[in-house]
Amino acid sequence: MSRVDPIVYVLRRYRENKGISQDKMSVLTGISVSTIQRIESGRSDMKLSQYRSYLAVLEMSDMDVSIALFSHEFVTEKDVAAMARKFPLRVKQVIVRFLDELADVFKE
């Protein structure tokens, strides 16, 4: 499985948050649905023209994308795992207990 570029991840999350399906994005950008699927799954790189089309449809700027990346607004599970590897074992154990209890709260 390919790794999705963080920029593409941000664009996809904004698209989803605006309630725009891949089919609708295809119509609005002129990018085929299959190309959007390949880009958003990491199987294909996004061209600059496609990036610009996404920005136009989502009413975003390059700065919006940069802020989302640097503020960790859209953190992936791989990002969390990478950070967790830096902690000593004792801290990891505390985090796991916390997440387990948090999951129980959401089950209620």
C-alpha atoms as a PDB file:
ATOM      1  CA  MET A   1       0.000   0.000   0.000  1.00  0.00           C
ATOM      2  CA  SER A   2       1.348   3.441  -0.927  1.00  0.00           C
ATOM      3  CA  ARG A   3       1.811   6.252   1.527  1.00  0.00           C
ATOM      4  CA  VAL A   4      -0.503   9.178   0.946  1.00  0.00           C
ATOM      5  CA  ASP A   5       1.327  12.489   0.717  1.00  0.00           C
ATOM      6  CA  PRO A   6       0.447  14.737   3.681  1.00  0.00           C
ATOM      7  CA  ILE A   7      -0.700  17.515   1.330  1.00  0.00           C
ATOM      8  CA  VAL A   8      -3.089  15.135  -0.414  1.00  0.00           C
ATOM      9  CA  TYR A   9      -4.297  13.927   2.981  1.00  0.00           C
ATOM     10  CA  VAL A  10      -5.135  17.517   3.975  1.00  0.00           C
ATOM     11  CA  LEU A  11      -6.961  18.161   0.700  1.00  0.00           C
ATOM     12  CA  ARG A  12      -8.952  14.956   1.034  1.00  0.00           C
ATOM     13  CA  ARG A  13      -9.994  15.796   4.608  1.00  0.00           C
ATOM     14  CA  TYR A  14     -11.098  19.287   3.572  1.00  0.00           C
ATOM     15  CA  ARG A  15     -13.044  17.778   0.672  1.00  0.00           C
ATOM     16  CA  GLU A  16     -14.753  15.303   2.996  1.00  0.00           C
ATOM     17  CA  ASN A  17     -15.446  17.993   5.618  1.00  0.00           C
ATOM     18  CA  LYS A  18     -17.177  20.087   2.954  1.00  0.00           C
ATOM     19  CA  GLY A  19     -19.322  17.081   2.026  1.00  0.00           C
ATOM     20  CA  ILE A  20     -17.935  16.838  -1.500  1.00  0.00           C
ATOM     21  CA  SER A  21     -17.808  13.292  -2.857  1.00  0.00           C
ATOM     22  CA  GLN A  22     -15.090  12.108  -5.211  1.00  0.00           C
ATOM     23  CA  ASP A  23     -17.693  12.044  -7.992  1.00  0.00           C
ATOM     24  CA  LYS A  24     -18.660  15.667  -7.320  1.00  0.00           C
ATOM     25  CA  MET A  25     -14.994  16.670  -7.052  1.00  0.00           C
ATOM     26  CA  SER A  26     -14.455  15.106 -10.461  1.00  0.00           C
ATOM     27  CA  VAL A  27     -17.197  17.247 -11.979  1.00  0.00           C
ATOM     28  CA  LEU A  28     -15.972  20.420 -10.268  1.00  0.00           C
ATOM     29  CA  THR A  29     -12.275  19.959 -11.093  1.00  0.00           C
ATOM     30  CA  GLY A  30     -12.401  18.155 -14.417  1.00  0.00           C
ATOM     31  CA  ILE A  31     -10.208  15.405 -12.963  1.00  0.00           C
ATOM     32  CA  SER A  32     -11.512  11.897 -13.632  1.00  0.00           C
ATOM     33  CA  VAL A  33     -12.923   9.950 -10.679  1.00  0.00           C
ATOM     34  CA  SER A  34     -10.372   7.179 -11.192  1.00  0.00           C
ATOM     35  CA  THR A  35      -7.528   9.714 -11.075  1.00  0.00           C
ATOM     36  CA  ILE A  36      -8.930  11.255  -7.889  1.00  0.00           C
ATOM     37  CA  GLN A  37      -9.159   7.784  -6.348  1.00  0.00           C
ATOM     38  CA  ARG A  38      -5.554   6.995  -7.306  1.00  0.00           C
ATOM     39  CA  ILE A  39      -4.294  10.333  -5.976  1.00  0.00           C
ATOM     40  CA  GLU A  40      -6.198  10.145  -2.686  1.00  0.00           C
ATOM     41  CA  SER A  41      -5.121   6.542  -2.069  1.00  0.00           C
ATOM     42  CA  GLY A  42      -1.458   7.332  -2.733  1.00  0.00           C
ATOM     43  CA  ARG A  43      -1.241   5.205  -5.871  1.00  0.00           C
ATOM     44  CA  SER A  44      -0.568   8.239  -8.063  1.00  0.00           C
ATOM     45  CA  ASP A  45       1.158  11.566  -7.551  1.00  0.00           C
ATOM     46  CA  MET A  46      -0.866  14.744  -7.817  1.00  0.00           C
ATOM     47  CA  LYS A  47       0.100  17.152 -10.583  1.00  0.00           C
ATOM     48  CA  LEU A  48       0.409  20.835  -9.775  1.00  0.00           C
ATOM     49  CA  SER A  49      -2.553  21.643 -12.033  1.00  0.00           C
ATOM     50  CA  GLN A  50      -4.671  19.102 -10.127  1.00  0.00           C
ATOM     51  CA  TYR A  51      -3.552  20.612  -6.823  1.00  0.00           C
ATOM     52  CA  ARG A  52      -4.583  24.062  -8.045  1.00  0.00           C
ATOM     53  CA  SER A  53      -7.978  22.687  -9.140  1.00  0.00           C
ATOM     54  CA  TYR A  54      -8.538  21.194  -5.676  1.00  0.00           C
ATOM     55  CA  LEU A  55      -7.629  24.503  -4.035  1.00  0.00           C
ATOM     56  CA  ALA A  56     -10.047  26.423  -6.255  1.00  0.00           C
ATOM     57  CA  VAL A  57     -12.962  24.080  -5.554  1.00  0.00           C
ATOM     58  CA  LEU A  58     -12.249  23.949  -1.819  1.00  0.00           C
ATOM     59  CA  GLU A  59     -11.727  27.735  -1.694  1.00  0.00           C
ATOM     60  CA  MET A  60      -8.329  27.238  -0.095  1.00  0.00           C
ATOM     61  CA  SER A  61      -4.922  28.822  -0.479  1.00  0.00           C
ATOM     62  CA  ASP A  62      -1.437  27.358  -0.272  1.00  0.00           C
ATOM     63  CA  MET A  63      -1.241  28.979   3.147  1.00  0.00           C
ATOM     64  CA  ASP A  64      -4.357  27.096   4.322  1.00  0.00           C
ATOM     65  CA  VAL A  65      -2.668  23.827   3.398  1.00  0.00           C
ATOM     66  CA  SER A  66       0.587  24.873   5.085  1.00  0.00           C
ATOM     67  CA  ILE A  67      -1.202  25.873   8.271  1.00  0.00           C
ATOM     68  CA  ALA A  68      -3.085  22.560   8.364  1.00  0.00           C
ATOM     69  CA  LEU A  69       0.185  20.667   7.940  1.00  0.00           C
ATOM     70  CA  PHE A  70       2.183  22.613  10.496  1.00  0.00           C
ATOM     71  CA  SER A  71      -0.572  22.863  13.085  1.00  0.00           C
ATOM     72  CA  HIS A  72      -1.071  19.094  12.821  1.00  0.00           C
ATOM     73  CA  GLU A  73      -4.732  19.763  12.151  1.00  0.00           C
ATOM     74  CA  PHE A  74      -4.891  16.524  10.184  1.00  0.00           C
ATOM     75  CA  VAL A  75      -2.768  14.017  12.060  1.00  0.00           C
ATOM     76  CA  THR A  76      -2.709  10.436  10.790  1.00  0.00           C
ATOM     77  CA  GLU A  77      -2.366   7.282  12.873  1.00  0.00           C
ATOM     78  CA  LYS A  78       1.124   6.878  11.370  1.00  0.00           C
ATOM     79  CA  ASP A  79       2.053  10.322  12.697  1.00  0.00           C
ATOM     80  CA  VAL A  80       0.866   9.322  16.175  1.00  0.00           C
ATOM     81  CA  ALA A  81       2.781   6.041  15.986  1.00  0.00           C
ATOM     82  CA  ALA A  82       5.950   7.863  14.927  1.00  0.00           C
ATOM     83  CA  MET A  83       5.686  10.206  17.910  1.00  0.00           C
ATOM     84  CA  ALA A  84       4.887   7.351  20.282  1.00  0.00           C
ATOM     85  CA  ARG A  85       8.097   5.543  19.301  1.00  0.00           C
ATOM     86  CA  LYS A  86      10.068   8.441  20.799  1.00  0.00           C
ATOM     87  CA  PHE A  87       8.655   7.935  24.295  1.00  0.00           C
ATOM     88  CA  PRO A  88      10.192   5.687  26.945  1.00  0.00           C
ATOM     89  CA  LEU A  89       8.332   2.469  27.787  1.00  0.00           C
ATOM     90  CA  ARG A  90       6.759   3.877  30.968  1.00  0.00           C
ATOM     91  CA  VAL A  91       5.218   6.798  29.074  1.00  0.00           C
ATOM     92  CA  LYS A  92       3.938   4.440  26.365  1.00  0.00           C
ATOM     93  CA  GLN A  93       2.218   2.344  29.049  1.00  0.00           C
ATOM     94  CA  VAL A  94       0.489   5.428  30.471  1.00  0.00           C
ATOM     95  CA  ILE A  95      -0.656   6.483  27.003  1.00  0.00           C
ATOM     96  CA  VAL A  96      -2.063   3.025  26.249  1.00  0.00           C
ATOM     97  CA  ARG A  97      -4.012   3.001  29.529  1.00  0.00           C
ATOM     98  CA  PHE A  98      -5.348   6.484  28.799  1.00  0.00           C
ATOM     99  CA  LEU A  99      -6.450   5.531  25.282  1.00  0.00           C
ATOM    100  CA  ASP A 100      -8.075   2.357  26.579  1.00  0.00           C
ATOM    101  CA  GLU A 101     -10.063   4.326  29.172  1.00  0.00           C
ATOM    102  CA  LEU A 102     -10.960   6.958  26.587  1.00  0.00           C
ATOM    103  CA  ALA A 103     -12.286   4.248  24.263  1.00  0.00           C
ATOM    104  CA  ASP A 104     -14.437   2.935  27.120  1.00  0.00           C
ATOM    105  CA  VAL A 105     -15.906   6.412  27.656  1.00  0.00           C
ATOM    106  CA  PHE A 106     -16.912   6.625  23.996  1.00  0.00           C
ATOM    107  CA  LYS A 107     -18.605   3.221  24.224  1.00  0.00           C
ATOM    108  CA  GLU A 108     -20.968   4.538  26.900  1.00  0.00           C
END
